[in-house]
C-alpha cells in the first residue's frame, strides 16, 4: 500500500527536483541570518527571478539569458531591500512583507500588460536549462535516479552546500559574517564595517534566491505561473531555522521538506486520501519543523540562563585571617 508513496522516485524527488529550489533559497537565507538580517523577502525574490527569467528566455530563446535576467532581478530587489531596511533603518519585517506583496502584484500586472493574461506565460520560444546525467552513477540502487536527467541547477545546488561551509567557516568573510550576526557592536569595535558585511550577505542571498527562481520557471517546468512560488520561500526559511543556521543542517532540512512534498505528490497521483489533505502535508510538516526549532531554541536559552545564574561560591575565609602572626621578643 505504501510502495506508491515511499519509493526510489521519492528519494530522487527529495534530492533533485523538489530539493533544488529549497536548497538554493535556504542556503541563501542562511547567509543573511548569520549576518543578523531577518530577510523574509525570499518569496518575493523567487517570484521576481522566475518571472524575468521566463520572459528573457522566451523573448530571446536563450536559457542563459533567462538566468542572467532572473539573477539580475533578484539582485536589484535585494539592493532595494538593503537600502530601505539597513541604510534607511525601516522596519525589516515590514520591508520584507512589502517585497513579497509587491512581487505578487507586479508580476501579475506585467503578465496582463505585456502578454494579455494573468495566469500563464509559456511561449513556444522559451528555452529551459539543459538536463545532465552523471555517467556511472545512474546504476546506483537508491540514488541512481537522482543523477539521471537533472537540471544543471540541481548540481549547482549540491555544490553550493560545501562551498557555503568553506566560505562561512574557513574564510575571513565568513568569520566577519558570523561576528556581525552574533554581536554587531563588538564587531564594529574591532573595525568591521557591519553594514558592508550585511550588504554582502544580502547580495549572496539575492544571487542564490535568483538561481532558485530561475529553476522555477526555466527548469523542468518551463514557463511562469501566477504566484508559482506557492510558499516555497517560506518553507526554505523554515528549513534554515530547523537546520540551526548551518549549511549541512539546512541541506538536510531542505531534503526533508522536499520529501514531504514528494509524499504529497505521490499520494495525489495514487489517489490515496483526499487531495486537499495530501496537498497540505508540506505545510503541516513545515509547522511541525518550526515548532521543533522553537522548542530547541527555548531549551538552549534556559540552559544559558541557568549557566549565567550559577555564580561561583566564595571561599570561606576565617574571621581572623587578617590577624598578624605574633613574633617573640
Protein backbone atom coordinates (compact mmCIF):
# COMPACT_ATOMS: atom_id res chain seq x y z
CA UNK A 1 0.00 0.00 0.00
CA UNK A 2 2.88 2.34 0.80
CA UNK A 3 5.02 1.47 -2.20
CA UNK A 4 3.31 4.06 -4.45
CA UNK A 5 4.27 6.71 -1.87
CA UNK A 6 7.66 5.70 -0.46
CA UNK A 7 9.88 4.60 -3.32
CA UNK A 8 13.14 5.43 -5.05
CA UNK A 9 11.43 8.13 -7.06
CA UNK A 10 10.59 9.91 -3.81
CA UNK A 11 14.30 9.98 -2.90
CA UNK A 12 15.15 11.33 -6.33
CA UNK A 13 12.47 13.99 -5.88
CA UNK A 14 13.83 14.99 -2.47
CA UNK A 15 17.45 15.31 -3.60
CA UNK A 16 16.69 16.52 -7.11
CA UNK A 17 13.63 18.26 -8.49
CA UNK A 18 11.96 19.06 -5.17
CA UNK A 19 15.07 19.88 -3.17
CA UNK A 20 16.92 22.11 -5.63
CA UNK A 21 14.87 25.24 -5.08
CA UNK A 22 14.74 24.81 -1.30
CA UNK A 23 18.49 24.20 -1.03
CA UNK A 24 19.43 27.29 -3.03
CA UNK A 25 16.92 29.54 -1.25
CA UNK A 26 17.65 28.07 2.18
CA UNK A 27 21.42 28.46 1.90
CA UNK A 28 20.89 32.00 0.61
CA UNK A 29 18.77 32.90 3.61
CA UNK A 30 21.36 31.28 5.87
CA UNK A 31 23.93 33.93 4.93
CA UNK A 32 21.61 36.79 5.84
CA UNK A 33 20.51 35.06 9.02
CA UNK A 34 24.10 34.53 10.15
CA UNK A 35 24.76 38.23 9.41
CA UNK A 36 21.89 39.25 11.68
CA UNK A 37 19.47 40.19 8.88
CA UNK A 38 15.98 38.71 9.11
CA UNK A 39 15.30 38.58 5.38
CA UNK A 40 11.75 37.31 4.89
CA UNK A 41 11.66 38.58 1.30
CA UNK A 42 12.75 35.19 -0.10
CA UNK A 43 9.29 34.53 -1.52
CA UNK A 44 9.35 37.82 -3.43
CA UNK A 45 12.87 37.20 -4.73
CA UNK A 46 11.77 33.83 -6.10
CA UNK A 47 8.81 35.35 -7.92
CA UNK A 48 10.73 38.25 -9.44
CA UNK A 49 13.56 35.97 -10.59
CA UNK A 50 11.17 33.40 -12.02
CA UNK A 51 9.20 36.00 -13.96
CA UNK A 52 12.13 37.81 -15.54
CA UNK A 53 13.95 34.55 -16.27
CA UNK A 54 10.91 33.23 -18.15
CA UNK A 55 10.40 36.50 -20.05
CA UNK A 56 14.07 36.76 -21.09
CA UNK A 57 14.26 33.11 -22.10
CA UNK A 58 11.01 33.34 -24.05
CA UNK A 59 11.92 36.59 -25.76
CA UNK A 60 15.49 35.66 -26.71
CA UNK A 61 15.12 31.87 -26.97
CA UNK A 62 18.14 31.55 -24.71
CA UNK A 63 18.15 29.85 -21.31
CA UNK A 64 21.41 31.54 -20.28
CA UNK A 65 19.83 34.95 -20.92
CA UNK A 66 16.99 33.85 -18.68
CA UNK A 67 19.38 33.00 -15.87
CA UNK A 68 21.16 36.34 -16.21
CA UNK A 69 17.86 38.25 -16.19
CA UNK A 70 16.44 36.29 -13.26
CA UNK A 71 19.54 36.68 -11.09
CA UNK A 72 19.82 40.36 -12.00
CA UNK A 73 16.20 40.94 -10.97
CA UNK A 74 16.78 39.24 -7.62
CA UNK A 75 19.96 41.26 -7.03
CA UNK A 76 18.20 44.55 -7.81
CA UNK A 77 15.37 43.73 -5.40
CA UNK A 78 17.94 42.68 -2.77
CA UNK A 79 19.72 46.00 -3.21
CA UNK A 80 16.45 47.84 -2.64
CA UNK A 81 15.79 45.69 0.42
CA UNK A 82 19.23 46.56 1.79
CA UNK A 83 18.89 50.30 1.20
CA UNK A 84 15.43 50.58 2.75
CA UNK A 85 15.89 48.22 5.71
CA UNK A 86 19.58 48.66 6.60
CA UNK A 87 20.62 52.08 5.32
CA UNK A 88 17.33 53.88 5.93
CA UNK A 89 16.55 51.74 9.01
CA UNK A 90 12.97 50.93 8.08
CA UNK A 91 11.28 48.05 9.89
CA UNK A 92 12.82 44.97 8.28
CA UNK A 93 9.70 42.83 8.73
CA UNK A 94 7.51 45.41 7.02
CA UNK A 95 10.03 45.77 4.18
CA UNK A 96 10.17 42.01 3.66
CA UNK A 97 6.38 41.69 3.58
CA UNK A 98 6.20 44.64 1.17
CA UNK A 99 8.65 42.94 -1.21
CA UNK A 100 6.59 39.74 -1.16
CA UNK A 101 3.33 41.56 -1.82
CA UNK A 102 4.97 43.70 -4.49
CA UNK A 103 6.31 40.64 -6.28
CA UNK A 104 2.89 39.03 -6.40
CA UNK A 105 1.19 42.16 -7.68
CA UNK A 106 3.86 43.37 -10.12
CA UNK A 107 4.28 40.01 -11.86
CA UNK A 108 0.52 39.70 -12.41
CA UNK A 109 0.35 43.29 -13.67
CA UNK A 110 3.22 42.74 -16.11
CA UNK A 111 1.70 39.46 -17.31
CA UNK A 112 -1.53 41.24 -18.09
CA UNK A 113 0.06 44.38 -19.54
CA UNK A 114 2.73 42.70 -21.67
CA UNK A 115 1.15 39.39 -22.66
CA UNK A 116 -2.58 39.88 -22.17
CA UNK A 117 -3.16 37.24 -19.50
CA UNK A 118 -2.86 36.98 -15.73
CA UNK A 119 -2.24 33.28 -15.30
CA UNK A 120 0.34 31.60 -17.52
CA UNK A 121 3.30 32.63 -19.65
CA UNK A 122 4.64 29.74 -21.69
CA UNK A 123 5.68 30.86 -25.20
CA UNK A 124 6.94 28.28 -27.69
CA UNK A 125 10.30 30.06 -27.95
CA UNK A 126 11.04 29.64 -24.23
CA UNK A 127 14.13 27.56 -23.62
CA UNK A 128 14.76 25.63 -20.43
CA UNK A 129 18.06 24.82 -18.78
CA UNK A 130 19.74 21.64 -20.02
CA UNK A 131 19.39 18.40 -18.11
CA UNK A 132 22.54 16.44 -17.31
CA UNK A 133 23.31 12.90 -16.20
CA UNK A 134 26.42 11.85 -14.31
CA UNK A 135 27.98 8.85 -16.08
CA UNK A 136 28.46 5.74 -13.97
CA UNK A 137 26.15 6.84 -11.15
CA UNK A 138 22.76 6.12 -12.67
CA UNK A 139 23.18 2.42 -11.83
CA UNK A 140 23.17 3.08 -8.09
CA UNK A 141 20.25 1.25 -6.44
CA UNK A 142 18.75 4.17 -4.48
CA UNK A 143 20.31 7.43 -5.62
CA UNK A 144 20.66 6.41 -9.26
CA UNK A 145 17.56 8.27 -10.49
CA UNK A 146 18.84 11.41 -8.75
CA UNK A 147 21.85 11.56 -11.07
CA UNK A 148 19.82 10.99 -14.23
CA UNK A 149 18.42 13.83 -16.28
CA UNK A 150 18.58 16.53 -13.60
CA UNK A 151 18.76 20.23 -14.35
CA UNK A 152 22.17 21.84 -14.23
CA UNK A 153 20.96 23.97 -11.31
CA UNK A 154 20.42 20.80 -9.27
CA UNK A 155 24.14 20.07 -9.43
CA UNK A 156 24.85 23.72 -8.65
CA UNK A 157 22.67 23.40 -5.53
CA UNK A 158 24.65 20.39 -4.36
CA UNK A 159 27.92 22.26 -4.87
CA UNK A 160 26.63 25.30 -3.00
CA UNK A 161 26.38 23.33 0.26
CA UNK A 162 30.12 22.53 0.70
CA UNK A 163 31.10 25.88 -0.80
CA UNK A 164 28.93 27.74 1.71
CA UNK A 165 30.54 25.73 4.51
CA UNK A 166 34.01 26.71 3.32
CA UNK A 167 33.03 30.37 2.98
CA UNK A 168 31.30 30.53 6.35
CA UNK A 169 33.88 28.70 8.45
CA UNK A 170 37.19 28.92 6.59
CA UNK A 171 37.40 32.44 5.14
CA UNK A 172 37.79 35.91 6.68
CA UNK A 173 34.46 36.89 5.11
CA UNK A 174 32.69 34.04 6.84
CA UNK A 175 34.25 34.98 10.16
CA UNK A 176 33.07 38.57 9.72
CA UNK A 177 29.55 37.43 8.78
CA UNK A 178 29.30 35.29 11.90
CA UNK A 179 30.78 38.01 14.08
CA UNK A 180 28.34 40.63 12.80
CA UNK A 181 25.41 38.29 13.34
CA UNK A 182 26.40 37.32 16.86
CA UNK A 183 27.44 40.72 18.19
CA UNK A 184 27.44 43.68 15.77
CA UNK A 185 28.59 46.14 18.43
CA UNK A 186 31.65 44.06 19.28
CA UNK A 187 32.37 43.55 15.57
CA UNK A 188 32.26 47.30 14.98
CA UNK A 189 34.71 47.96 17.81
CA UNK A 190 37.38 45.85 16.08
CA UNK A 191 36.98 47.73 12.80
CA UNK A 192 34.45 45.58 10.92
CA UNK A 193 32.05 47.56 8.74
CA UNK A 194 28.78 45.99 9.88
CA UNK A 195 26.60 47.40 7.11
CA UNK A 196 29.08 46.39 4.44
CA UNK A 197 29.12 42.79 5.68
CA UNK A 198 25.32 42.74 5.83
CA UNK A 199 25.22 44.11 2.28
CA UNK A 200 27.45 41.26 1.07
CA UNK A 201 25.28 38.68 2.86
CA UNK A 202 22.09 40.13 1.33
CA UNK A 203 23.65 40.07 -2.14
CA UNK A 204 24.73 36.43 -1.69
CA UNK A 205 21.16 35.66 -0.68
CA UNK A 206 19.89 37.50 -3.75
CA UNK A 207 22.21 35.53 -6.02
CA UNK A 208 21.16 32.14 -4.67
CA UNK A 209 17.47 33.04 -4.45
CA UNK A 210 17.72 34.30 -8.03
CA UNK A 211 19.07 30.94 -9.16
CA UNK A 212 16.24 29.23 -7.27
CA UNK A 213 13.71 31.44 -9.04
CA UNK A 214 15.27 30.60 -12.40
CA UNK A 215 14.85 26.93 -11.57
CA UNK A 216 11.16 27.57 -11.01
CA UNK A 217 10.44 28.98 -14.45
CA UNK A 218 13.14 27.69 -16.81
CA UNK A 219 13.97 24.45 -15.02
CA UNK A 220 11.94 21.29 -15.63
CA UNK A 221 8.64 23.20 -15.81
CA UNK A 222 9.40 25.78 -18.50
CA UNK A 223 7.05 28.70 -18.00
CA UNK A 224 5.72 31.17 -15.46
CA UNK A 225 2.54 30.72 -13.46
CA UNK A 226 0.87 33.32 -11.30
CA UNK A 227 2.28 33.07 -7.74
CA UNK A 228 4.13 29.93 -8.78
CA UNK A 229 6.49 30.07 -5.78
CA UNK A 230 3.50 28.85 -3.71
CA UNK A 231 5.13 29.41 -0.33
CA UNK A 232 8.45 27.77 -1.22
CA UNK A 233 10.34 30.80 0.09
CA UNK A 234 8.71 30.43 3.50
CA UNK A 235 9.49 26.71 3.54
CA UNK A 236 13.14 27.48 2.73
CA UNK A 237 13.21 29.94 5.63
CA UNK A 238 11.77 27.27 7.92
CA UNK A 239 14.33 24.74 6.68
CA UNK A 240 17.19 27.08 7.56
CA UNK A 241 15.71 27.65 11.00
CA UNK A 242 15.26 23.92 11.60
CA UNK A 243 18.81 23.35 10.35
CA UNK A 244 20.14 25.69 13.04
CA UNK A 245 21.68 28.07 10.51
CA UNK A 246 24.37 25.64 9.33
CA UNK A 247 24.96 24.51 5.72
CA UNK A 248 24.63 20.80 6.47
CA UNK A 249 21.64 21.26 8.75
CA UNK A 250 19.91 23.47 6.18
CA UNK A 251 20.61 20.93 3.44
CA UNK A 252 19.16 18.04 5.46
CA UNK A 253 16.10 20.10 6.39
CA UNK A 254 15.53 21.10 2.77
CA UNK A 255 15.71 17.46 1.67
CA UNK A 256 13.27 16.54 4.45
CA UNK A 257 10.76 19.20 3.39
CA UNK A 258 11.20 18.26 -0.28
CA UNK A 259 10.47 14.65 0.64
CA UNK A 260 7.24 15.76 2.31
CA UNK A 261 6.25 17.49 -0.93
CA UNK A 262 7.10 14.29 -2.79
CA UNK A 263 4.85 12.31 -0.45
CA UNK A 264 2.07 14.77 -1.16
CA UNK A 265 2.52 14.42 -4.92
CA UNK A 266 2.65 10.62 -4.77
CA UNK A 267 -0.49 10.48 -2.65
CA UNK A 268 -2.36 12.61 -5.15
CA UNK A 269 -1.07 10.56 -8.08
CA UNK A 270 -2.12 7.30 -6.40
CA UNK A 271 -5.50 8.73 -5.27
CA UNK A 272 -4.70 7.95 -1.65
CA UNK A 273 -6.70 10.12 0.75
CA UNK A 274 -8.38 13.40 0.00
CA UNK A 275 -6.48 15.64 -2.39
CA UNK A 276 -6.82 18.60 -0.02
CA UNK A 277 -5.25 16.57 2.79
CA UNK A 278 -2.38 15.43 0.60
CA UNK A 279 -1.77 18.97 -0.63
CA UNK A 280 -1.49 20.26 2.94
CA UNK A 281 1.23 17.78 4.00
CA UNK A 282 4.26 20.03 3.19
CA UNK A 283 2.79 22.95 5.11
CA UNK A 284 1.88 20.80 8.13
CA UNK A 285 5.42 19.40 8.15
CA UNK A 286 6.77 22.96 7.96
CA UNK A 287 4.74 23.99 11.02
CA UNK A 288 5.95 20.93 12.94
CA UNK A 289 9.55 21.71 11.96
CA UNK A 290 9.26 25.30 13.16
CA UNK A 291 7.73 24.11 16.43
CA UNK A 292 10.68 21.76 16.96
CA UNK A 293 13.14 24.55 16.18
CA UNK A 294 11.36 26.93 18.57
CA UNK A 295 11.37 24.33 21.33
CA UNK A 296 15.08 23.67 20.80
CA UNK A 297 15.86 27.40 20.95
CA UNK A 298 13.84 27.74 24.18
CA UNK A 299 15.74 24.89 25.81
CA UNK A 300 19.07 26.45 24.84
CA UNK A 301 18.08 29.86 26.19
CA UNK A 302 17.05 28.32 29.50
CA UNK A 303 20.34 26.41 29.68
CA UNK A 304 22.30 29.62 29.09
CA UNK A 305 20.32 31.42 31.77
CA UNK A 306 20.97 28.66 34.27
CA UNK A 307 24.66 28.78 33.37
CA UNK A 308 24.82 32.52 33.97
CA UNK A 309 22.85 32.21 37.21
CA UNK A 310 25.25 29.71 38.75
CA UNK A 311 27.61 32.11 40.49
CA UNK A 312 30.79 30.62 41.93
CA UNK A 313 30.63 30.28 45.71
CA UNK A 314 33.17 32.38 47.63
CA UNK A 315 35.87 30.53 49.52
CA UNK A 316 35.24 30.56 53.25
CA UNK A 317 37.85 32.71 54.99
CA UNK A 318 38.33 32.61 58.80
CA UNK A 319 37.31 35.82 60.53
CA UNK A 320 40.77 36.24 61.98
CA UNK A 321 42.58 35.61 58.71
CA UNK A 322 43.83 39.19 58.69
CA UNK A 323 45.47 38.79 62.09
CA UNK A 324 49.22 39.18 62.01
CA UNK A 325 51.35 36.38 63.44
CA UNK A 326 52.85 37.08 66.83
CA UNK A 327 56.59 37.07 66.94
CA UNK A 328 58.68 36.57 70.02
CA UNK A 329 60.79 39.31 71.58
